[in-house]
Amino acid sequence: MTYMQTPYLKHFGLIDEPYSTSPNPRYLYISPTHNLALEKTRWTVAARRGLALCVGEPGTGKTTLVRELATRFDDDPTVSYVVITNPNFPTANQLLRAIIQEYEVGQTSKNYLELLSIFKTFLMEQATKQNKNLVLLIDEAQTLKPPLLEMLRQLMNYESNDQKFLQVVLFAQEEFRRRLQHPRYANLVNRIAMSSSIEALSLSETDAMLKHRWWIASNGIKGSFPFTDEAIEQLYIYSKGIPRTQIILADNALLASFLLKQQTIDADLIHQIVKDRGLPDTQPEPEPQSIKRHVRKEGSKDK
């Protein structure tokens, strides 16, 4: 199958798309807030503390962290991990079957209690005899129904005197944290050994992320970055610091700049991009004075 080449690549001297939303690890930019969440989660897994939670608004990079953790686990022969990207199964039985299948347990049963017993035996054998650290990474955990969360809580009970047999990391949207306030989840909350928040990017982090991805896509050619400082400020304000929105707007700006036969992307072009987009993932167009106040506030924070 032949795909149409992105028209602005030659215009800007690029070898690849710098602002694609496809999860290409080459373009990974780990901000300080992402790095903190990543390291806290890695420590929880390595210490075999059981359950870790990583929460962030849509578009802040949770799935990116899932992939980065999996990549790092690939380099550790003591870790055996499974990634569940769509955990919204109708029943706990089906989720457990999916987990057992991914771990290639080799046994199964139609009976839910027997499945739990099979998996418990597998976990115990892997942890105590094979010295394996089994890790379960679940993305989009806010879609888990109460019975599925209860099943995961049960898995947390499989342990020895000094370690949990299964390490579970839940990546979820902010709504999940609010949901856990309900008393029915008290026992699950008590098992969360570490919780991390993925925050939106700051203005300086936005600038670093955009330049990092451009540097990769331009093969390190210096001096070709087309966004002015004012354009980056507008990307930051309109996107509310959400990386996915910033990437989408930046890609739109490159295409518009190509069509207009411009080499530089300024604040006016960003205004036009956002106006044409007209979607609720961006802030309303700010007044000039409010822009200045926002930028000064951000600048003082970065200092």
C-alpha atoms as a PDB file:
ATOM      1  CA  MET A   1       0.000   0.000   0.000  1.00  0.00           C
ATOM      2  CA  THR A   2       1.348   3.438  -0.987  1.00  0.00           C
ATOM      3  CA  TYR A   3       0.768   6.390   1.264  1.00  0.00           C
ATOM      4  CA  MET A   4       0.855  10.021   0.185  1.00  0.00           C
ATOM      5  CA  GLN A   5       3.989  11.757   1.423  1.00  0.00           C
ATOM      6  CA  THR A   6       3.372  14.623   3.812  1.00  0.00           C
ATOM      7  CA  PRO A   7       3.625  17.705   1.561  1.00  0.00           C
ATOM      8  CA  TYR A   8       5.566  19.956   3.928  1.00  0.00           C
ATOM      9  CA  LEU A   9       8.574  17.640   4.457  1.00  0.00           C
ATOM     10  CA  LYS A  10      10.563  18.898   1.482  1.00  0.00           C
ATOM     11  CA  HIS A  11       9.478  22.478   2.148  1.00  0.00           C
ATOM     12  CA  PHE A  12      11.112  22.401   5.595  1.00  0.00           C
ATOM     13  CA  GLY A  13      13.929  19.961   4.796  1.00  0.00           C
ATOM     14  CA  LEU A  14      12.533  17.239   7.067  1.00  0.00           C
ATOM     15  CA  ILE A  15      13.097  13.501   6.860  1.00  0.00           C
ATOM     16  CA  ASP A  16       9.983  12.657   8.871  1.00  0.00           C
ATOM     17  CA  GLU A  17       6.886  14.207  10.457  1.00  0.00           C
ATOM     18  CA  PRO A  18       7.924  15.880  13.715  1.00  0.00           C
ATOM     19  CA  TYR A  19       4.392  16.285  15.056  1.00  0.00           C
ATOM     20  CA  SER A  20       2.617  13.059  14.283  1.00  0.00           C
ATOM     21  CA  THR A  21       0.304  11.689  16.978  1.00  0.00           C
ATOM     22  CA  SER A  22       1.484   8.151  16.210  1.00  0.00           C
ATOM     23  CA  PRO A  23       3.439   6.756  19.192  1.00  0.00           C
ATOM     24  CA  ASN A  24       6.942   6.701  17.705  1.00  0.00           C
ATOM     25  CA  PRO A  25       9.511   6.153  20.510  1.00  0.00           C
ATOM     26  CA  ARG A  26      12.122   8.120  18.520  1.00  0.00           C
ATOM     27  CA  TYR A  27      10.194  11.299  19.277  1.00  0.00           C
ATOM     28  CA  LEU A  28       9.670  10.644  22.957  1.00  0.00           C
ATOM     29  CA  TYR A  29      10.153  13.733  25.106  1.00  0.00           C
ATOM     30  CA  ILE A  30      10.035  13.040  28.823  1.00  0.00           C
ATOM     31  CA  SER A  31       9.305  16.193  30.787  1.00  0.00           C
ATOM     32  CA  PRO A  32      10.230  16.466  34.484  1.00  0.00           C
ATOM     33  CA  THR A  33       6.664  15.559  35.507  1.00  0.00           C
ATOM     34  CA  HIS A  34       6.698  12.514  33.201  1.00  0.00           C
ATOM     35  CA  ASN A  35      10.107  11.470  34.482  1.00  0.00           C
ATOM     36  CA  LEU A  36       8.990  11.706  38.108  1.00  0.00           C
ATOM     37  CA  ALA A  37       5.945   9.533  37.442  1.00  0.00           C
ATOM     38  CA  LEU A  38       8.078   7.080  35.480  1.00  0.00           C
ATOM     39  CA  GLU A  39      10.742   6.722  38.167  1.00  0.00           C
ATOM     40  CA  LYS A  40       8.233   6.432  41.023  1.00  0.00           C
ATOM     41  CA  THR A  41       6.407   3.701  39.132  1.00  0.00           C
ATOM     42  CA  ARG A  42       9.616   1.848  38.282  1.00  0.00           C
ATOM     43  CA  TRP A  43      10.665   1.912  41.930  1.00  0.00           C
ATOM     44  CA  THR A  44       7.296   0.555  43.069  1.00  0.00           C
ATOM     45  CA  VAL A  45       7.567  -2.302  40.578  1.00  0.00           C
ATOM     46  CA  ALA A  46      11.202  -3.082  41.415  1.00  0.00           C
ATOM     47  CA  ALA A  47      10.438  -3.110  45.148  1.00  0.00           C
ATOM     48  CA  ARG A  48       7.465  -5.410  44.480  1.00  0.00           C
ATOM     49  CA  ARG A  49       5.082  -3.207  46.418  1.00  0.00           C
ATOM     50  CA  GLY A  50       2.019  -4.388  44.454  1.00  0.00           C
ATOM     51  CA  LEU A  51      -0.205  -1.609  43.108  1.00  0.00           C
ATOM     52  CA  ALA A  52       0.772   1.712  41.530  1.00  0.00           C
ATOM     53  CA  LEU A  53      -1.459   4.395  40.023  1.00  0.00           C
ATOM     54  CA  CYS A  54      -0.575   6.971  37.387  1.00  0.00           C
ATOM     55  CA  VAL A  55      -3.206   9.631  36.654  1.00  0.00           C
ATOM     56  CA  GLY A  56      -3.417  12.428  34.110  1.00  0.00           C
ATOM     57  CA  GLU A  57      -5.859  14.328  31.927  1.00  0.00           C
ATOM     58  CA  PRO A  58      -6.441  13.089  28.344  1.00  0.00           C
ATOM     59  CA  GLY A  59      -3.514  13.913  26.082  1.00  0.00           C
ATOM     60  CA  THR A  60      -0.884  14.320  28.819  1.00  0.00           C
ATOM     61  CA  GLY A  61       1.083  11.234  27.795  1.00  0.00           C
ATOM     62  CA  LYS A  62      -0.112   8.278  29.861  1.00  0.00           C
ATOM     63  CA  THR A  63       0.048   5.835  26.952  1.00  0.00           C
ATOM     64  CA  THR A  64       3.521   7.132  26.149  1.00  0.00           C
ATOM     65  CA  LEU A  65       4.614   6.213  29.680  1.00  0.00           C
ATOM     66  CA  VAL A  66       3.081   2.747  29.306  1.00  0.00           C
ATOM     67  CA  ARG A  67       5.169   2.170  26.184  1.00  0.00           C
ATOM     68  CA  GLU A  68       8.300   3.600  27.782  1.00  0.00           C
ATOM     69  CA  LEU A  69       7.927   1.360  30.835  1.00  0.00           C
ATOM     70  CA  ALA A  70       7.432  -1.663  28.605  1.00  0.00           C
ATOM     71  CA  THR A  71      10.549  -0.745  26.616  1.00  0.00           C
ATOM     72  CA  ARG A  72      12.627  -0.502  29.778  1.00  0.00           C
ATOM     73  CA  PHE A  73      11.255  -3.786  31.104  1.00  0.00           C
ATOM     74  CA  ASP A  74      12.432  -5.432  27.879  1.00  0.00           C
ATOM     75  CA  ASP A  75      15.987  -4.828  29.069  1.00  0.00           C
ATOM     76  CA  ASP A  76      15.394  -6.526  32.439  1.00  0.00           C
ATOM     77  CA  PRO A  77      15.480 -10.348  32.268  1.00  0.00           C
ATOM     78  CA  THR A  78      13.894 -10.635  35.723  1.00  0.00           C
ATOM     79  CA  VAL A  79      10.703  -8.852  34.598  1.00  0.00           C
ATOM     80  CA  SER A  80       7.843 -10.493  32.746  1.00  0.00           C
ATOM     81  CA  TYR A  81       5.159  -7.985  31.814  1.00  0.00           C
ATOM     82  CA  VAL A  82       1.784  -7.823  30.097  1.00  0.00           C
ATOM     83  CA  VAL A  83       0.092  -4.709  28.694  1.00  0.00           C
ATOM     84  CA  ILE A  84      -3.688  -4.450  28.569  1.00  0.00           C
ATOM     85  CA  THR A  85      -4.615  -1.423  26.461  1.00  0.00           C
ATOM     86  CA  ASN A  86      -8.387  -1.880  26.419  1.00  0.00           C
ATOM     87  CA  PRO A  87      -9.483  -3.272  29.789  1.00  0.00           C
ATOM     88  CA  ASN A  88     -13.208  -2.592  29.366  1.00  0.00           C
ATOM     89  CA  PHE A  89     -14.203  -6.265  29.433  1.00  0.00           C
ATOM     90  CA  PRO A  90     -17.834  -7.150  30.216  1.00  0.00           C
ATOM     91  CA  THR A  91     -16.892  -9.433  33.128  1.00  0.00           C
ATOM     92  CA  ALA A  92     -14.013 -10.083  35.518  1.00  0.00           C
ATOM     93  CA  ASN A  93     -13.830 -13.619  34.128  1.00  0.00           C
ATOM     94  CA  GLN A  94     -13.043 -12.274  30.647  1.00  0.00           C
ATOM     95  CA  LEU A  95     -10.395  -9.864  31.908  1.00  0.00           C
ATOM     96  CA  LEU A  96      -8.746 -12.628  33.917  1.00  0.00           C
ATOM     97  CA  ARG A  97      -8.811 -14.910  30.857  1.00  0.00           C
ATOM     98  CA  ALA A  98      -7.123 -12.171  28.804  1.00  0.00           C
ATOM     99  CA  ILE A  99      -4.406 -11.728  31.445  1.00  0.00           C
ATOM    100  CA  ILE A 100      -3.782 -15.477  31.695  1.00  0.00           C
ATOM    101  CA  GLN A 101      -3.611 -15.741  27.910  1.00  0.00           C
ATOM    102  CA  GLU A 102      -1.119 -12.872  27.657  1.00  0.00           C
ATOM    103  CA  TYR A 103       1.103 -14.483  30.287  1.00  0.00           C
ATOM    104  CA  GLU A 104       0.882 -17.775  28.358  1.00  0.00           C
ATOM    105  CA  VAL A 105       0.000 -19.669  31.518  1.00  0.00           C
ATOM    106  CA  GLY A 106      -0.852 -22.870  29.635  1.00  0.00           C
ATOM    107  CA  GLN A 107      -3.906 -23.761  31.726  1.00  0.00           C
ATOM    108  CA  THR A 108      -7.460 -22.524  31.652  1.00  0.00           C
ATOM    109  CA  SER A 109     -10.922 -23.226  32.985  1.00  0.00           C
ATOM    110  CA  LYS A 110     -14.476 -22.091  32.379  1.00  0.00           C
ATOM    111  CA  ASN A 111     -14.938 -21.684  36.104  1.00  0.00           C
ATOM    112  CA  TYR A 112     -13.932 -18.259  37.493  1.00  0.00           C
ATOM    113  CA  LEU A 113     -12.751 -19.546  40.875  1.00  0.00           C
ATOM    114  CA  GLU A 114     -10.670 -22.218  39.189  1.00  0.00           C
ATOM    115  CA  LEU A 115      -9.142 -19.542  36.942  1.00  0.00           C
ATOM    116  CA  LEU A 116      -8.139 -17.555  40.011  1.00  0.00           C
ATOM    117  CA  SER A 117      -6.545 -20.666  41.520  1.00  0.00           C
ATOM    118  CA  ILE A 118      -4.664 -21.441  38.301  1.00  0.00           C
ATOM    119  CA  PHE A 119      -3.327 -17.902  38.102  1.00  0.00           C
ATOM    120  CA  LYS A 120      -2.377 -17.831  41.781  1.00  0.00           C
ATOM    121  CA  THR A 121      -0.364 -21.028  41.351  1.00  0.00           C
ATOM    122  CA  PHE A 122       1.321 -19.562  38.262  1.00  0.00           C
ATOM    123  CA  LEU A 123       2.215 -16.331  40.060  1.00  0.00           C
ATOM    124  CA  MET A 124       3.607 -18.153  43.070  1.00  0.00           C
ATOM    125  CA  GLU A 125       5.733 -20.467  40.930  1.00  0.00           C
ATOM    126  CA  GLN A 126       7.091 -17.598  38.819  1.00  0.00           C
ATOM    127  CA  ALA A 127       7.906 -15.418  41.829  1.00  0.00           C
ATOM    128  CA  THR A 128       9.341 -17.978  44.237  1.00  0.00           C
ATOM    129  CA  LYS A 129      10.934 -20.568  41.946  1.00  0.00           C
ATOM    130  CA  GLN A 130      11.784 -18.571  38.821  1.00  0.00           C
ATOM    131  CA  ASN A 131      12.465 -15.294  40.691  1.00  0.00           C
ATOM    132  CA  LYS A 132      10.395 -13.437  38.104  1.00  0.00           C
ATOM    133  CA  ASN A 133       8.827 -10.062  38.760  1.00  0.00           C
ATOM    134  CA  LEU A 134       5.451 -10.239  36.999  1.00  0.00           C
ATOM    135  CA  VAL A 135       4.042  -6.862  36.005  1.00  0.00           C
ATOM    136  CA  LEU A 136       0.586  -6.013  34.685  1.00  0.00           C
ATOM    137  CA  LEU A 137       0.290  -2.624  32.943  1.00  0.00           C
ATOM    138  CA  ILE A 138      -3.289  -1.463  32.356  1.00  0.00           C
ATOM    139  CA  ASP A 139      -3.974   1.607  30.226  1.00  0.00           C
ATOM    140  CA  GLU A 140      -7.320   3.436  30.237  1.00  0.00           C
ATOM    141  CA  ALA A 141      -8.032   2.042  33.709  1.00  0.00           C
ATOM    142  CA  GLN A 142     -10.917   4.504  34.189  1.00  0.00           C
ATOM    143  CA  THR A 143     -12.991   2.147  31.983  1.00  0.00           C
ATOM    144  CA  LEU A 144     -12.693  -0.744  34.453  1.00  0.00           C
ATOM    145  CA  LYS A 145     -16.061  -1.734  35.910  1.00  0.00           C
ATOM    146  CA  PRO A 146     -16.379  -2.336  39.688  1.00  0.00           C
ATOM    147  CA  PRO A 147     -16.264  -6.175  39.418  1.00  0.00           C
ATOM    148  CA  LEU A 148     -13.031  -5.941  37.406  1.00  0.00           C
ATOM    149  CA  LEU A 149     -11.457  -3.653  39.995  1.00  0.00           C
ATOM    150  CA  GLU A 150     -12.502  -6.063  42.704  1.00  0.00           C
ATOM    151  CA  MET A 151     -10.815  -8.905  40.809  1.00  0.00           C
ATOM    152  CA  LEU A 152      -7.592  -6.883  40.603  1.00  0.00           C
ATOM    153  CA  ARG A 153      -7.849  -6.245  44.339  1.00  0.00           C
ATOM    154  CA  GLN A 154      -8.060  -9.995  44.871  1.00  0.00           C
ATOM    155  CA  LEU A 155      -4.893 -10.471  42.841  1.00  0.00           C
ATOM    156  CA  MET A 156      -3.165  -8.071  45.236  1.00  0.00           C
ATOM    157  CA  ASN A 157      -3.744 -10.638  48.014  1.00  0.00           C
ATOM    158  CA  TYR A 158      -1.359 -13.107  46.368  1.00  0.00           C
ATOM    159  CA  GLU A 159       1.864 -12.522  48.271  1.00  0.00           C
ATOM    160  CA  SER A 160       4.545 -13.977  50.504  1.00  0.00           C
ATOM    161  CA  ASN A 161       5.881 -12.468  53.716  1.00  0.00           C
ATOM    162  CA  ASP A 162       8.179 -10.112  51.819  1.00  0.00           C
ATOM    163  CA  GLN A 163       6.764  -9.483  48.337  1.00  0.00           C
ATOM    164  CA  LYS A 164       3.692  -9.197  46.150  1.00  0.00           C
ATOM    165  CA  PHE A 165       3.547 -11.868  43.463  1.00  0.00           C
ATOM    166  CA  LEU A 166       2.001  -9.494  40.901  1.00  0.00           C
ATOM    167  CA  GLN A 167       2.788  -5.815  40.331  1.00  0.00           C
ATOM    168  CA  VAL A 168      -0.135  -3.884  38.836  1.00  0.00           C
ATOM    169  CA  VAL A 169       0.204  -0.397  37.357  1.00  0.00           C
ATOM    170  CA  LEU A 170      -3.012   1.437  36.478  1.00  0.00           C
ATOM    171  CA  PHE A 171      -2.885   4.365  34.043  1.00  0.00           C
ATOM    172  CA  ALA A 172      -6.086   6.375  34.182  1.00  0.00           C
ATOM    173  CA  GLN A 173      -7.721   9.714  33.525  1.00  0.00           C
ATOM    174  CA  GLU A 174      -8.295  12.131  36.387  1.00  0.00           C
ATOM    175  CA  GLU A 175     -11.910  11.019  36.747  1.00  0.00           C
ATOM    176  CA  PHE A 176     -10.657   7.674  38.069  1.00  0.00           C
ATOM    177  CA  ARG A 177      -9.074   9.318  41.113  1.00  0.00           C
ATOM    178  CA  ARG A 178     -12.375  11.019  41.905  1.00  0.00           C
ATOM    179  CA  ARG A 179     -14.164   7.717  41.471  1.00  0.00           C
ATOM    180  CA  LEU A 180     -11.907   6.081  44.038  1.00  0.00           C
ATOM    181  CA  GLN A 181     -13.308   8.437  46.668  1.00  0.00           C
ATOM    182  CA  HIS A 182     -16.361   6.174  46.917  1.00  0.00           C
ATOM    183  CA  PRO A 183     -16.343   3.971  50.056  1.00  0.00           C
ATOM    184  CA  ARG A 184     -16.779   0.824  47.960  1.00  0.00           C
ATOM    185  CA  TYR A 185     -13.182   1.206  46.759  1.00  0.00           C
ATOM    186  CA  ALA A 186     -11.630   1.692  50.208  1.00  0.00           C
ATOM    187  CA  ASN A 187      -9.947  -1.730  50.190  1.00  0.00           C
ATOM    188  CA  LEU A 188      -8.485  -1.111  46.736  1.00  0.00           C
ATOM    189  CA  VAL A 189      -7.217   2.350  47.690  1.00  0.00           C
ATOM    190  CA  ASN A 190      -5.477   0.884  50.737  1.00  0.00           C
ATOM    191  CA  ARG A 191      -3.428  -1.298  48.400  1.00  0.00           C
ATOM    192  CA  ILE A 192      -2.104   1.576  46.270  1.00  0.00           C
ATOM    193  CA  ALA A 193       1.563   1.761  47.248  1.00  0.00           C
ATOM    194  CA  MET A 194       2.391   4.733  45.005  1.00  0.00           C
ATOM    195  CA  SER A 195       0.319   7.311  43.141  1.00  0.00           C
ATOM    196  CA  SER A 196       1.660   9.733  40.518  1.00  0.00           C
ATOM    197  CA  SER A 197       0.163  12.663  38.633  1.00  0.00           C
ATOM    198  CA  ILE A 198       1.082  13.614  35.081  1.00  0.00           C
ATOM    199  CA  GLU A 199       0.766  17.380  34.832  1.00  0.00           C
ATOM    200  CA  ALA A 200       0.376  19.508  31.721  1.00  0.00           C
ATOM    201  CA  LEU A 201       3.567  20.966  30.257  1.00  0.00           C
ATOM    202  CA  SER A 202       4.807  24.406  31.259  1.00  0.00           C
ATOM    203  CA  LEU A 203       5.730  27.033  28.679  1.00  0.00           C
ATOM    204  CA  SER A 204       9.433  26.139  28.819  1.00  0.00           C
ATOM    205  CA  GLU A 205       8.621  22.407  28.579  1.00  0.00           C
ATOM    206  CA  THR A 206       6.381  23.079  25.590  1.00  0.00           C
ATOM    207  CA  ASP A 207       9.268  24.862  23.885  1.00  0.00           C
ATOM    208  CA  ALA A 208      11.660  21.996  24.697  1.00  0.00           C
ATOM    209  CA  MET A 209       9.244  19.317  23.475  1.00  0.00           C
ATOM    210  CA  LEU A 210       8.559  21.017  20.144  1.00  0.00           C
ATOM    211  CA  LYS A 211      12.271  21.635  19.502  1.00  0.00           C
ATOM    212  CA  HIS A 212      13.217  18.086  20.527  1.00  0.00           C
ATOM    213  CA  ARG A 213      10.803  16.546  18.023  1.00  0.00           C
ATOM    214  CA  TRP A 214      11.909  18.994  15.310  1.00  0.00           C
ATOM    215  CA  TRP A 215      15.563  18.152  15.916  1.00  0.00           C
ATOM    216  CA  ILE A 216      14.851  14.446  15.428  1.00  0.00           C
ATOM    217  CA  ALA A 217      12.747  14.977  12.278  1.00  0.00           C
ATOM    218  CA  SER A 218      15.281  17.354  10.718  1.00  0.00           C
ATOM    219  CA  ASN A 219      18.192  14.992  11.436  1.00  0.00           C
ATOM    220  CA  GLY A 220      19.810  17.555  13.714  1.00  0.00           C
ATOM    221  CA  ILE A 221      19.921  20.426  11.207  1.00  0.00           C
ATOM    222  CA  LYS A 222      20.316  23.594  13.271  1.00  0.00           C
ATOM    223  CA  GLY A 223      18.673  26.912  12.535  1.00  0.00           C
ATOM    224  CA  SER A 224      15.651  25.484  10.721  1.00  0.00           C
ATOM    225  CA  PHE A 225      13.096  25.528  13.567  1.00  0.00           C
ATOM    226  CA  PRO A 226      10.213  27.585  12.120  1.00  0.00           C
ATOM    227  CA  PHE A 227       8.197  28.559  15.218  1.00  0.00           C
ATOM    228  CA  THR A 228       8.806  31.992  16.690  1.00  0.00           C
ATOM    229  CA  ASP A 229       8.816  32.445  20.465  1.00  0.00           C
ATOM    230  CA  GLU A 230       5.446  34.185  20.193  1.00  0.00           C
ATOM    231  CA  ALA A 231       4.013  31.257  18.227  1.00  0.00           C
ATOM    232  CA  ILE A 232       5.132  28.822  20.930  1.00  0.00           C
ATOM    233  CA  GLU A 233       3.529  31.026  23.580  1.00  0.00           C
ATOM    234  CA  GLN A 234       0.240  30.862  21.711  1.00  0.00           C
ATOM    235  CA  LEU A 235       0.496  27.088  21.265  1.00  0.00           C
ATOM    236  CA  TYR A 236       1.033  26.779  24.997  1.00  0.00           C
ATOM    237  CA  ILE A 237      -1.891  29.018  25.933  1.00  0.00           C
ATOM    238  CA  TYR A 238      -4.362  27.587  23.451  1.00  0.00           C
ATOM    239  CA  SER A 239      -3.482  23.973  24.332  1.00  0.00           C
ATOM    240  CA  LYS A 240      -3.534  24.531  28.109  1.00  0.00           C
ATOM    241  CA  GLY A 241      -0.208  22.679  28.178  1.00  0.00           C
ATOM    242  CA  ILE A 242      -1.651  19.393  26.857  1.00  0.00           C
ATOM    243  CA  PRO A 243       1.058  17.738  24.696  1.00  0.00           C
ATOM    244  CA  ARG A 244      -1.323  15.972  22.291  1.00  0.00           C
ATOM    245  CA  THR A 245      -3.125  19.217  21.486  1.00  0.00           C
ATOM    246  CA  GLN A 246       0.187  21.019  21.025  1.00  0.00           C
ATOM    247  CA  ILE A 247       1.362  18.358  18.572  1.00  0.00           C
ATOM    248  CA  ILE A 248      -1.864  18.530  16.557  1.00  0.00           C
ATOM    249  CA  LEU A 249      -1.751  22.335  16.359  1.00  0.00           C
ATOM    250  CA  ALA A 250       1.950  22.324  15.422  1.00  0.00           C
ATOM    251  CA  ASP A 251       1.313  19.831  12.620  1.00  0.00           C
ATOM    252  CA  ASN A 252      -1.572  21.969  11.336  1.00  0.00           C
ATOM    253  CA  ALA A 253       0.714  24.994  11.417  1.00  0.00           C
ATOM    254  CA  LEU A 254       3.380  23.266   9.321  1.00  0.00           C
ATOM    255  CA  LEU A 255       0.841  22.365   6.652  1.00  0.00           C
ATOM    256  CA  ALA A 256      -0.627  25.892   6.620  1.00  0.00           C
ATOM    257  CA  SER A 257       2.851  27.412   6.391  1.00  0.00           C
ATOM    258  CA  PHE A 258       3.646  25.158   3.427  1.00  0.00           C
ATOM    259  CA  LEU A 259       0.415  26.093   1.635  1.00  0.00           C
ATOM    260  CA  LEU A 260       1.121  29.789   2.253  1.00  0.00           C
ATOM    261  CA  LYS A 261       4.738  29.287   1.067  1.00  0.00           C
ATOM    262  CA  GLN A 262       6.120  30.604   4.363  1.00  0.00           C
ATOM    263  CA  GLN A 263       9.208  29.376   6.204  1.00  0.00           C
ATOM    264  CA  THR A 264       8.310  31.010   9.530  1.00  0.00           C
ATOM    265  CA  ILE A 265       5.352  30.279  11.781  1.00  0.00           C
ATOM    266  CA  ASP A 266       4.290  33.276  13.863  1.00  0.00           C
ATOM    267  CA  ALA A 267       1.568  33.953  16.433  1.00  0.00           C
ATOM    268  CA  ASP A 268      -0.906  35.172  13.803  1.00  0.00           C
ATOM    269  CA  LEU A 269      -0.741  31.837  11.996  1.00  0.00           C
ATOM    270  CA  ILE A 270      -1.387  29.970  15.255  1.00  0.00           C
ATOM    271  CA  HIS A 271      -4.426  32.197  15.882  1.00  0.00           C
ATOM    272  CA  GLN A 272      -5.742  31.297  12.434  1.00  0.00           C
ATOM    273  CA  ILE A 273      -5.095  27.583  12.922  1.00  0.00           C
ATOM    274  CA  VAL A 274      -7.044  27.538  16.171  1.00  0.00           C
ATOM    275  CA  LYS A 275      -9.871  29.588  14.671  1.00  0.00           C
ATOM    276  CA  ASP A 276     -10.157  27.229  11.704  1.00  0.00           C
ATOM    277  CA  ARG A 277     -10.034  24.190  14.001  1.00  0.00           C
ATOM    278  CA  GLY A 278     -12.897  25.499  16.131  1.00  0.00           C
ATOM    279  CA  LEU A 279     -12.882  22.566  18.557  1.00  0.00           C
ATOM    280  CA  PRO A 280     -13.210  22.554  22.360  1.00  0.00           C
ATOM    281  CA  ASP A 281      -9.696  21.141  22.948  1.00  0.00           C
ATOM    282  CA  THR A 282      -8.271  24.667  22.794  1.00  0.00           C
ATOM    283  CA  GLN A 283      -8.764  27.775  24.901  1.00  0.00           C
ATOM    284  CA  PRO A 284     -10.873  30.612  23.468  1.00  0.00           C
ATOM    285  CA  GLU A 285      -8.737  33.214  21.718  1.00  0.00           C
ATOM    286  CA  PRO A 286      -7.230  35.367  24.500  1.00  0.00           C
ATOM    287  CA  GLU A 287      -7.060  39.120  24.528  1.00  0.00           C
ATOM    288  CA  PRO A 288      -3.550  40.583  24.023  1.00  0.00           C
ATOM    289  CA  GLN A 289      -3.315  41.865  27.611  1.00  0.00           C
ATOM    290  CA  SER A 290      -4.332  38.520  29.105  1.00  0.00           C
ATOM    291  CA  ILE A 291      -1.710  36.851  26.941  1.00  0.00           C
ATOM    292  CA  LYS A 292       0.989  39.108  28.345  1.00  0.00           C
ATOM    293  CA  ARG A 293      -0.083  38.489  31.930  1.00  0.00           C
ATOM    294  CA  HIS A 294      -0.135  34.722  31.363  1.00  0.00           C
ATOM    295  CA  VAL A 295       3.280  34.693  29.723  1.00  0.00           C
ATOM    296  CA  ARG A 296       4.826  36.847  32.463  1.00  0.00           C
ATOM    297  CA  LYS A 297       3.391  34.564  35.114  1.00  0.00           C
ATOM    298  CA  GLU A 298       4.780  31.498  33.361  1.00  0.00           C
ATOM    299  CA  GLY A 299       8.111  33.153  32.838  1.00  0.00           C
ATOM    300  CA  SER A 300       8.438  34.021  36.520  1.00  0.00           C
ATOM    301  CA  LYS A 301       7.578  30.425  37.412  1.00  0.00           C
ATOM    302  CA  ASP A 302      10.287  29.007  35.162  1.00  0.00           C
ATOM    303  CA  LYS A 303      12.890  31.291  36.682  1.00  0.00           C
END
